[in-house]
C-alpha atoms as a PDB file:
ATOM      1  CA  MET A   1      81.172  -6.402  24.678  1.00  0.00           C
ATOM      2  CA  LYS A   2      83.462  -3.375  23.900  1.00  0.00           C
ATOM      3  CA  PHE A   3      85.973  -2.434  21.199  1.00  0.00           C
ATOM      4  CA  THR A   4      88.683  -0.232  21.435  1.00  0.00           C
ATOM      5  CA  GLY A   5      91.352  -0.794  18.598  1.00  0.00           C
ATOM      6  CA  THR A   6      93.417  -3.672  18.418  1.00  0.00           C
ATOM      7  CA  ASP A   7      97.310  -3.741  18.312  1.00  0.00           C
ATOM      8  CA  GLN A   8      96.920  -3.994  14.378  1.00  0.00           C
ATOM      9  CA  TYR A   9      94.566  -1.739  13.819  1.00  0.00           C
ATOM     10  CA  VAL A  10      94.481   2.194  15.286  1.00  0.00           C
ATOM     11  CA  ALA A  11      91.415   3.251  15.247  1.00  0.00           C
ATOM     12  CA  THR A  12      89.996   6.618  16.241  1.00  0.00           C
ATOM     13  CA  GLU A  13      87.803   8.033  19.781  1.00  0.00           C
ATOM     14  CA  ASP A  14      85.400   8.526  17.050  1.00  0.00           C
ATOM     15  CA  LEU A  15      85.424   5.348  15.212  1.00  0.00           C
ATOM     16  CA  THR A  16      85.237   3.256  18.469  1.00  0.00           C
ATOM     17  CA  VAL A  17      81.934   5.324  19.923  1.00  0.00           C
ATOM     18  CA  ALA A  18      80.287   4.311  16.446  1.00  0.00           C
ATOM     19  CA  VAL A  19      81.684   0.712  16.674  1.00  0.00           C
ATOM     20  CA  ASN A  20      80.068   0.709  19.938  1.00  0.00           C
ATOM     21  CA  ALA A  21      77.093   2.795  19.467  1.00  0.00           C
ATOM     22  CA  SER A  22      76.073   0.119  16.406  1.00  0.00           C
ATOM     23  CA  VAL A  23      76.359  -3.245  19.233  1.00  0.00           C
ATOM     24  CA  THR A  24      74.547  -1.923  21.711  1.00  0.00           C
ATOM     25  CA  LEU A  25      71.760  -0.306  19.080  1.00  0.00           C
ATOM     26  CA  GLU A  26      71.700  -3.656  17.415  1.00  0.00           C
ATOM     27  CA  ARG A  27      72.293  -1.610  14.184  1.00  0.00           C
ATOM     28  CA  PRO A  28      74.686  -2.689  11.168  1.00  0.00           C
ATOM     29  CA  LEU A  29      77.221  -0.001  10.996  1.00  0.00           C
ATOM     30  CA  LEU A  30      77.656   1.878   8.372  1.00  0.00           C
ATOM     31  CA  VAL A  31      80.925   2.847   7.147  1.00  0.00           C
ATOM     32  CA  LYS A  32      82.100   5.717   4.560  1.00  0.00           C
ATOM     33  CA  GLY A  33      85.098   6.733   3.470  1.00  0.00           C
ATOM     34  CA  GLU A  34      88.231   7.194   0.872  1.00  0.00           C
ATOM     35  CA  PRO A  35      89.082   3.543  -0.881  1.00  0.00           C
ATOM     36  CA  GLY A  36      92.027   2.911   1.068  1.00  0.00           C
ATOM     37  CA  THR A  37      91.117   4.094   4.807  1.00  0.00           C
ATOM     38  CA  GLY A  38      90.489   0.467   6.369  1.00  0.00           C
ATOM     39  CA  LYS A  39      86.455   0.446   6.242  1.00  0.00           C
ATOM     40  CA  THR A  40      86.939  -3.671   5.128  1.00  0.00           C
ATOM     41  CA  GLU A  41      89.747  -4.240   8.128  1.00  0.00           C
ATOM     42  CA  LEU A  42      87.628  -2.616  10.578  1.00  0.00           C
ATOM     43  CA  ALA A  43      85.577  -5.235  10.096  1.00  0.00           C
ATOM     44  CA  ARG A  44      87.710  -7.977  11.009  1.00  0.00           C
ATOM     45  CA  GLN A  45      89.545  -6.042  13.281  1.00  0.00           C
ATOM     46  CA  VAL A  46      86.247  -6.103  15.417  1.00  0.00           C
ATOM     47  CA  ALA A  47      85.838  -9.229  14.570  1.00  0.00           C
ATOM     48  CA  THR A  48      89.327 -10.532  16.452  1.00  0.00           C
ATOM     49  CA  ALA A  49      88.713  -7.463  19.118  1.00  0.00           C
ATOM     50  CA  LEU A  50      85.364  -9.196  20.201  1.00  0.00           C
ATOM     51  CA  GLY A  51      86.156 -13.206  19.659  1.00  0.00           C
ATOM     52  CA  LEU A  52      83.640 -13.414  17.016  1.00  0.00           C
ATOM     53  CA  PRO A  53      83.703 -15.330  13.834  1.00  0.00           C
ATOM     54  CA  MET A  54      83.410 -13.866  10.828  1.00  0.00           C
ATOM     55  CA  VAL A  55      81.372 -14.088   7.559  1.00  0.00           C
ATOM     56  CA  GLU A  56      82.537 -12.130   4.272  1.00  0.00           C
ATOM     57  CA  TRP A  57      80.061 -10.466   1.803  1.00  0.00           C
ATOM     58  CA  HIS A  58      82.161  -8.617  -1.071  1.00  0.00           C
ATOM     59  CA  VAL A  59      79.136  -6.948  -3.301  1.00  0.00           C
ATOM     60  CA  LYS A  60      79.760  -6.473  -7.176  1.00  0.00           C
ATOM     61  CA  SER A  61      78.022  -5.241  -9.689  1.00  0.00           C
ATOM     62  CA  THR A  62      76.175  -7.916 -10.534  1.00  0.00           C
ATOM     63  CA  THR A  63      75.464  -9.426  -6.776  1.00  0.00           C
ATOM     64  CA  LYS A  64      71.496  -9.541  -5.976  1.00  0.00           C
ATOM     65  CA  ALA A  65      69.938  -9.035  -2.968  1.00  0.00           C
ATOM     66  CA  ALA A  66      68.598 -12.696  -3.099  1.00  0.00           C
ATOM     67  CA  GLN A  67      71.982 -14.067  -2.995  1.00  0.00           C
ATOM     68  CA  GLY A  68      73.098 -12.946   0.276  1.00  0.00           C
ATOM     69  CA  LEU A  69      70.081 -15.086   1.246  1.00  0.00           C
ATOM     70  CA  TYR A  70      70.215 -18.392  -0.980  1.00  0.00           C
ATOM     71  CA  GLU A  71      70.386 -19.310  -4.680  1.00  0.00           C
ATOM     72  CA  TYR A  72      67.574 -21.803  -6.178  1.00  0.00           C
ATOM     73  CA  ASP A  73      69.774 -24.141  -8.345  1.00  0.00           C
ATOM     74  CA  ALA A  74      67.151 -25.214 -10.635  1.00  0.00           C
ATOM     75  CA  VAL A  75      69.489 -25.771 -13.435  1.00  0.00           C
ATOM     76  CA  SER A  76      71.216 -28.764 -11.665  1.00  0.00           C
ATOM     77  CA  ARG A  77      67.605 -30.070 -10.459  1.00  0.00           C
ATOM     78  CA  LEU A  78      66.465 -30.717 -14.409  1.00  0.00           C
ATOM     79  CA  ARG A  79      69.653 -32.673 -14.923  1.00  0.00           C
ATOM     80  CA  ASP A  80      69.419 -34.675 -11.875  1.00  0.00           C
ATOM     81  CA  SER A  81      65.918 -35.677 -12.978  1.00  0.00           C
ATOM     82  CA  GLN A  82      66.575 -35.979 -16.365  1.00  0.00           C
ATOM     83  CA  LEU A  83      69.726 -38.710 -15.041  1.00  0.00           C
ATOM     84  CA  GLY A  84      67.242 -40.159 -12.054  1.00  0.00           C
ATOM     85  CA  ASP A  85      69.307 -39.342  -9.637  1.00  0.00           C
ATOM     86  CA  GLU A  86      67.148 -39.462  -6.069  1.00  0.00           C
ATOM     87  CA  ARG A  87      68.536 -36.291  -4.898  1.00  0.00           C
ATOM     88  CA  VAL A  88      65.484 -34.620  -6.905  1.00  0.00           C
ATOM     89  CA  HIS A  89      63.354 -35.760  -4.711  1.00  0.00           C
ATOM     90  CA  ASP A  90      64.370 -32.975  -1.849  1.00  0.00           C
ATOM     91  CA  VAL A  91      64.359 -29.541  -3.138  1.00  0.00           C
ATOM     92  CA  LYS A  92      67.282 -29.028  -0.234  1.00  0.00           C
ATOM     93  CA  ASN A  93      69.913 -30.940  -1.901  1.00  0.00           C
ATOM     94  CA  TYR A  94      69.459 -27.518  -4.700  1.00  0.00           C
ATOM     95  CA  ILE A  95      69.507 -24.528  -2.412  1.00  0.00           C
ATOM     96  CA  ARG A  96      72.883 -22.693  -1.912  1.00  0.00           C
ATOM     97  CA  LYS A  97      73.135 -21.028   1.669  1.00  0.00           C
ATOM     98  CA  GLY A  98      73.999 -16.701   1.175  1.00  0.00           C
ATOM     99  CA  LYS A  99      76.340 -15.147   3.275  1.00  0.00           C
ATOM    100  CA  LEU A 100      73.005 -14.112   5.295  1.00  0.00           C
ATOM    101  CA  TRP A 101      71.934 -17.504   5.692  1.00  0.00           C
ATOM    102  CA  GLN A 102      74.952 -18.735   7.080  1.00  0.00           C
ATOM    103  CA  ALA A 103      75.700 -15.714   9.624  1.00  0.00           C
ATOM    104  CA  PHE A 104      71.985 -16.371  11.020  1.00  0.00           C
ATOM    105  CA  GLU A 105      72.410 -19.806  11.534  1.00  0.00           C
ATOM    106  CA  ALA A 106      76.032 -19.810  13.468  1.00  0.00           C
ATOM    107  CA  ASP A 107      75.658 -21.668  16.992  1.00  0.00           C
ATOM    108  CA  SER A 108      76.924 -18.128  18.146  1.00  0.00           C
ATOM    109  CA  LYS A 109      77.518 -14.218  17.239  1.00  0.00           C
ATOM    110  CA  VAL A 110      79.287 -13.003  14.485  1.00  0.00           C
ATOM    111  CA  VAL A 111      80.795 -10.170  12.526  1.00  0.00           C
ATOM    112  CA  LEU A 112      78.866 -10.004   9.035  1.00  0.00           C
ATOM    113  CA  LEU A 113      80.696  -7.938   6.569  1.00  0.00           C
ATOM    114  CA  ILE A 114      78.862  -6.536   3.585  1.00  0.00           C
ATOM    115  CA  ASP A 115      81.412  -4.846   1.713  1.00  0.00           C
ATOM    116  CA  GLU A 116      80.911  -1.813  -1.034  1.00  0.00           C
ATOM    117  CA  ILE A 117      77.523  -2.514  -0.963  1.00  0.00           C
ATOM    118  CA  ASP A 118      77.313   0.720  -3.184  1.00  0.00           C
ATOM    119  CA  LYS A 119      78.950  -1.174  -5.933  1.00  0.00           C
ATOM    120  CA  ALA A 120      75.817  -2.966  -6.258  1.00  0.00           C
ATOM    121  CA  ASP A 121      72.509  -1.280  -7.965  1.00  0.00           C
ATOM    122  CA  ILE A 122      70.211   1.098  -6.079  1.00  0.00           C
ATOM    123  CA  ASP A 123      67.590  -1.991  -5.254  1.00  0.00           C
ATOM    124  CA  PHE A 124      70.266  -3.805  -3.448  1.00  0.00           C
ATOM    125  CA  PRO A 125      69.865  -1.899   0.036  1.00  0.00           C
ATOM    126  CA  ASN A 126      66.199  -1.300  -0.128  1.00  0.00           C
ATOM    127  CA  ASP A 127      65.737  -5.635  -1.141  1.00  0.00           C
ATOM    128  CA  LEU A 128      67.612  -6.146   2.435  1.00  0.00           C
ATOM    129  CA  LEU A 129      65.534  -3.997   4.656  1.00  0.00           C
ATOM    130  CA  GLN A 130      63.351  -6.304   6.284  1.00  0.00           C
ATOM    131  CA  GLU A 131      65.748  -9.060   6.207  1.00  0.00           C
ATOM    132  CA  LEU A 132      68.160  -6.707   8.054  1.00  0.00           C
ATOM    133  CA  ASP A 133      65.427  -5.047  10.572  1.00  0.00           C
ATOM    134  CA  ARG A 134      63.597  -8.455  11.339  1.00  0.00           C
ATOM    135  CA  MET A 135      66.817 -10.551  11.175  1.00  0.00           C
ATOM    136  CA  GLU A 136      64.440 -13.381   9.057  1.00  0.00           C
ATOM    137  CA  PHE A 137      64.182 -14.255   5.649  1.00  0.00           C
ATOM    138  CA  HIS A 138      61.290 -17.306   3.699  1.00  0.00           C
ATOM    139  CA  VAL A 139      62.585 -19.547   1.744  1.00  0.00           C
ATOM    140  CA  TYR A 140      59.792 -20.053  -0.631  1.00  0.00           C
ATOM    141  CA  GLU A 141      61.145 -23.354  -2.485  1.00  0.00           C
ATOM    142  CA  THR A 142      61.019 -25.322   1.062  1.00  0.00           C
ATOM    143  CA  GLY A 143      58.617 -23.320   2.862  1.00  0.00           C
ATOM    144  CA  GLU A 144      60.879 -22.798   6.024  1.00  0.00           C
ATOM    145  CA  THR A 145      61.439 -19.217   7.891  1.00  0.00           C
ATOM    146  CA  ILE A 146      65.280 -18.630   8.539  1.00  0.00           C
ATOM    147  CA  ARG A 147      65.636 -16.879  11.906  1.00  0.00           C
ATOM    148  CA  ALA A 148      68.650 -15.604  13.266  1.00  0.00           C
ATOM    149  CA  ARG A 149      69.789 -17.537  16.385  1.00  0.00           C
ATOM    150  CA  HIS A 150      72.057 -14.776  17.768  1.00  0.00           C
ATOM    151  CA  ARG A 151      71.747 -11.113  15.980  1.00  0.00           C
ATOM    152  CA  PRO A 152      74.830 -10.960  13.942  1.00  0.00           C
ATOM    153  CA  VAL A 153      76.736  -7.814  14.601  1.00  0.00           C
ATOM    154  CA  ILE A 154      76.901  -6.122  10.870  1.00  0.00           C
ATOM    155  CA  ILE A 155      79.349  -3.504   9.305  1.00  0.00           C
ATOM    156  CA  ILE A 156      78.538  -2.153   5.878  1.00  0.00           C
ATOM    157  CA  THR A 157      80.946  -0.160   3.780  1.00  0.00           C
ATOM    158  CA  SER A 158      80.223   2.067   0.793  1.00  0.00           C
ATOM    159  CA  ASN A 159      83.174   3.747  -1.111  1.00  0.00           C
ATOM    160  CA  ASN A 160      80.464   6.786  -1.763  1.00  0.00           C
ATOM    161  CA  GLU A 161      79.680   5.859  -5.234  1.00  0.00           C
ATOM    162  CA  LYS A 162      76.336   6.137  -5.252  1.00  0.00           C
ATOM    163  CA  GLU A 163      73.716   7.914  -2.629  1.00  0.00           C
ATOM    164  CA  LEU A 164      71.689   4.898  -0.431  1.00  0.00           C
ATOM    165  CA  PRO A 165      67.614   5.321   0.001  1.00  0.00           C
ATOM    166  CA  ASP A 166      66.644   7.073   3.573  1.00  0.00           C
ATOM    167  CA  ALA A 167      65.089   3.805   3.790  1.00  0.00           C
ATOM    168  CA  PHE A 168      68.329   2.013   4.668  1.00  0.00           C
ATOM    169  CA  LEU A 169      70.300   4.674   5.785  1.00  0.00           C
ATOM    170  CA  ARG A 170      67.745   5.270   8.806  1.00  0.00           C
ATOM    171  CA  ARG A 171      68.499   1.558   9.642  1.00  0.00           C
ATOM    172  CA  CYS A 172      71.712   1.797  10.008  1.00  0.00           C
ATOM    173  CA  PHE A 173      74.436   3.703  12.617  1.00  0.00           C
ATOM    174  CA  PHE A 174      76.421   6.047  10.174  1.00  0.00           C
ATOM    175  CA  HIS A 175      80.167   7.075  10.485  1.00  0.00           C
ATOM    176  CA  TYR A 176      82.346   8.432   8.032  1.00  0.00           C
ATOM    177  CA  ILE A 177      86.263   7.642   8.151  1.00  0.00           C
ATOM    178  CA  ARG A 178      87.742  10.722   7.694  1.00  0.00           C
ATOM    179  CA  PHE A 179      92.001  10.965   6.540  1.00  0.00           C
ATOM    180  CA  PRO A 180      93.914  10.429   9.237  1.00  0.00           C
ATOM    181  CA  GLU A 181      95.632  13.670  10.632  1.00  0.00           C
ATOM    182  CA  ALA A 182      99.724  13.522  10.665  1.00  0.00           C
ATOM    183  CA  ALA A 183      99.594  12.243  14.627  1.00  0.00           C
ATOM    184  CA  THR A 184      97.006   9.370  14.091  1.00  0.00           C
ATOM    185  CA  LEU A 185      98.513   8.757  10.323  1.00  0.00           C
ATOM    186  CA  LYS A 186     102.572   8.099  12.334  1.00  0.00           C
ATOM    187  CA  ARG A 187     100.599   5.928  14.807  1.00  0.00           C
ATOM    188  CA  ILE A 188      99.187   3.836  12.331  1.00  0.00           C
ATOM    189  CA  VAL A 189     103.082   3.467  10.382  1.00  0.00           C
ATOM    190  CA  ASP A 190     104.138   2.770  14.147  1.00  0.00           C
ATOM    191  CA  VAL A 191     102.068   0.205  13.737  1.00  0.00           C
ATOM    192  CA  HIS A 192     103.691  -1.391  10.865  1.00  0.00           C
ATOM    193  CA  PHE A 193     106.919  -0.246  10.517  1.00  0.00           C
ATOM    194  CA  PRO A 194     108.038  -0.174  14.121  1.00  0.00           C
ATOM    195  CA  GLY A 195     111.435   0.206  13.557  1.00  0.00           C
ATOM    196  CA  ILE A 196     111.373   3.507  11.277  1.00  0.00           C
ATOM    197  CA  LYS A 197     114.071   6.397  11.910  1.00  0.00           C
ATOM    198  CA  ASP A 198     111.914   9.637  13.280  1.00  0.00           C
ATOM    199  CA  ASP A 199     113.490  11.525  10.667  1.00  0.00           C
ATOM    200  CA  LEU A 200     113.178   9.659   7.977  1.00  0.00           C
ATOM    201  CA  LEU A 201     109.323   9.775   8.684  1.00  0.00           C
ATOM    202  CA  ALA A 202     109.073  12.639   9.427  1.00  0.00           C
ATOM    203  CA  THR A 203     110.508  13.900   5.638  1.00  0.00           C
ATOM    204  CA  ALA A 204     108.391  11.786   4.107  1.00  0.00           C
ATOM    205  CA  LEU A 205     105.178  12.125   6.005  1.00  0.00           C
ATOM    206  CA  THR A 206     105.978  15.888   5.084  1.00  0.00           C
ATOM    207  CA  GLN A 207     105.995  14.896   1.432  1.00  0.00           C
ATOM    208  CA  PHE A 208     102.691  12.640   1.437  1.00  0.00           C
ATOM    209  CA  TYR A 209     100.960  15.509   2.418  1.00  0.00           C
ATOM    210  CA  GLN A 210     101.668  18.229  -0.111  1.00  0.00           C
ATOM    211  CA  ILE A 211     101.263  15.959  -2.353  1.00  0.00           C
ATOM    212  CA  ARG A 212      97.797  14.523  -0.812  1.00  0.00           C
ATOM    213  CA  GLU A 213      96.852  18.550  -0.822  1.00  0.00           C
ATOM    214  CA  THR A 214      98.429  19.318  -4.281  1.00  0.00           C
ATOM    215  CA  PRO A 215      96.026  21.313  -6.174  1.00  0.00           C
ATOM    216  CA  GLY A 216      94.086  19.541  -9.053  1.00  0.00           C
ATOM    217  CA  LEU A 217      95.306  16.025  -8.358  1.00  0.00           C
ATOM    218  CA  LYS A 218      92.633  13.544  -9.697  1.00  0.00           C
ATOM    219  CA  LYS A 219      92.966  10.854  -7.087  1.00  0.00           C
ATOM    220  CA  LYS A 220      94.655  11.550  -3.904  1.00  0.00           C
ATOM    221  CA  PRO A 221      97.083   8.579  -2.016  1.00  0.00           C
ATOM    222  CA  SER A 222      95.270   7.076   0.311  1.00  0.00           C
ATOM    223  CA  THR A 223      96.577   5.092   3.720  1.00  0.00           C
ATOM    224  CA  SER A 224      97.033   1.844   2.656  1.00  0.00           C
ATOM    225  CA  GLU A 225      99.262   3.574  -0.105  1.00  0.00           C
ATOM    226  CA  VAL A 226     101.405   5.547   1.693  1.00  0.00           C
ATOM    227  CA  LEU A 227     101.980   2.075   3.956  1.00  0.00           C
ATOM    228  CA  ASP A 228     102.963   0.918   0.309  1.00  0.00           C
ATOM    229  CA  TRP A 229     104.970   3.725  -0.629  1.00  0.00           C
ATOM    230  CA  LEU A 230     107.266   3.134   2.890  1.00  0.00           C
ATOM    231  CA  LYS A 231     107.548  -0.519   2.866  1.00  0.00           C
ATOM    232  CA  LEU A 232     109.196   0.411  -1.049  1.00  0.00           C
ATOM    233  CA  ILE A 233     111.559   3.296   0.814  1.00  0.00           C
ATOM    234  CA  LEU A 234     112.396   1.074   3.382  1.00  0.00           C
ATOM    235  CA  ALA A 235     113.402  -1.838   1.187  1.00  0.00           C
ATOM    236  CA  GLU A 236     115.644   0.321  -1.015  1.00  0.00           C
ATOM    237  CA  ASP A 237     117.466   1.500   1.913  1.00  0.00           C
ATOM    238  CA  LEU A 238     116.424   5.506   1.203  1.00  0.00           C
ATOM    239  CA  ALA A 239     117.652   7.766   3.636  1.00  0.00           C
ATOM    240  CA  PRO A 240     115.419  11.087   4.076  1.00  0.00           C
ATOM    241  CA  GLU A 241     117.771  13.576   1.391  1.00  0.00           C
ATOM    242  CA  ASP A 242     116.683  11.115  -1.329  1.00  0.00           C
ATOM    243  CA  LEU A 243     113.432  12.019  -1.064  1.00  0.00           C
ATOM    244  CA  LYS A 244     113.904  15.332  -1.061  1.00  0.00           C
ATOM    245  CA  ARG A 245     112.524  17.095  -4.671  1.00  0.00           C
ATOM    246  CA  ASP A 246     113.651  20.123  -6.918  1.00  0.00           C
ATOM    247  CA  SER A 247     112.539  22.156  -9.110  1.00  0.00           C
ATOM    248  CA  THR A 248     113.623  19.882 -11.969  1.00  0.00           C
ATOM    249  CA  CYS A 249     111.387  16.732 -11.243  1.00  0.00           C
ATOM    250  CA  LEU A 250     108.717  17.168  -8.352  1.00  0.00           C
ATOM    251  CA  LEU A 251     107.912  13.371  -8.782  1.00  0.00           C
ATOM    252  CA  PRO A 252     107.945  11.528  -5.623  1.00  0.00           C
ATOM    253  CA  LYS A 253     110.538   8.571  -5.196  1.00  0.00           C
ATOM    254  CA  LEU A 254     108.936   5.795  -6.117  1.00  0.00           C
ATOM    255  CA  HIS A 255     105.811   7.716  -6.754  1.00  0.00           C
ATOM    256  CA  GLY A 256     104.184   4.889  -8.759  1.00  0.00           C
ATOM    257  CA  ALA A 257     103.389   3.795  -5.548  1.00  0.00           C
ATOM    258  CA  LEU A 258     101.536   6.753  -4.727  1.00  0.00           C
ATOM    259  CA  LEU A 259     100.241   8.264  -8.252  1.00  0.00           C
ATOM    260  CA  LYS A 260      97.714   5.989 -10.011  1.00  0.00           C
ATOM    261  CA  ASN A 261      97.177   7.399 -13.270  1.00  0.00           C
ATOM    262  CA  GLU A 262      98.664   9.190 -15.998  1.00  0.00           C
ATOM    263  CA  GLN A 263      97.301  12.770 -14.997  1.00  0.00           C
ATOM    264  CA  ASP A 264      98.399  12.869 -11.922  1.00  0.00           C
ATOM    265  CA  VAL A 265     101.649  12.411 -12.914  1.00  0.00           C
ATOM    266  CA  ALA A 266     101.357  14.599 -15.887  1.00  0.00           C
ATOM    267  CA  LEU A 267     100.617  17.221 -12.966  1.00  0.00           C
ATOM    268  CA  PHE A 268     103.684  17.215 -11.781  1.00  0.00           C
ATOM    269  CA  GLU A 269     105.313  17.263 -14.595  1.00  0.00           C
ATOM    270  CA  ARG A 270     103.707  20.189 -15.754  1.00  0.00           C
ATOM    271  CA  LEU A 271     104.227  22.170 -12.205  1.00  0.00           C
ATOM    272  CA  ALA A 272     108.272  20.657 -12.112  1.00  0.00           C
ATOM    273  CA  PHE A 273     108.214  23.054 -16.006  1.00  0.00           C
ATOM    274  CA  LEU A 274     106.052  26.267 -14.405  1.00  0.00           C
ATOM    275  CA  ALA A 275     108.916  26.291 -11.397  1.00  0.00           C
ATOM    276  CA  ARG A 276     111.853  25.727 -14.119  1.00  0.00           C
ATOM    277  CA  GLY A 277     110.066  28.622 -16.043  1.00  0.00           C
ATOM    278  CA  ARG A 278     110.228  30.697 -13.155  1.00  0.00           C
ATOM    279  CA  GLY A 279     113.676  30.118 -11.753  1.00  0.00           C
END
């Protein structure tokens, strides 16, 4: 199995090398990068390219590692016992399978996405070390051991909100998705908007990179945000000259797609004020 990207996902050479190395080593691929650079979508496109089913586990701040294995619903069992339900005699009726269990018992190899692992507490990655390493776990309530029928392709994403433990990192193949250069970003845009005019795209991308490189910007706009911006530009049927800014207003057209907080909007307003003063 070799991943080379898909018609809907532009993968750089170093990214395809990372995916294929992870598959060959049978180790989880840990993908970091700015929000909006396509980390989650990468897992879905890998599943599509390799023709594999996908299991998605989206981690939240309250998620515990044990939930990925299974959950025992003791409350429901107690209630059923009080009602005289026959189901209480089999504890398996109260075991809820987690995402890892689903991936382990699948009839064929799957792609398992563990999305935004850095949202959970620091113990979360450590609590999964043995399960991801040995591809098995024990169910204490039933006494059974669940082993993976086929070792899944595991892709783990992180927005770098917190550091991950060294013991966890040692078990992963790591890749950082850098923000795409202009040529790569143009290829990405061509996938989503194949009919966009060259002069409009050139003007828009030039302005976009100027915005990203503005000193003092709190949140730089991402790949997904520039795609949203271009979608709006096409919907409004704007021409290249409509995108041009002057010293009276440095905010880009439809700036709400690119600037996502009041500090960054105020920054461009201040820059325009200073430019008028110099004029």
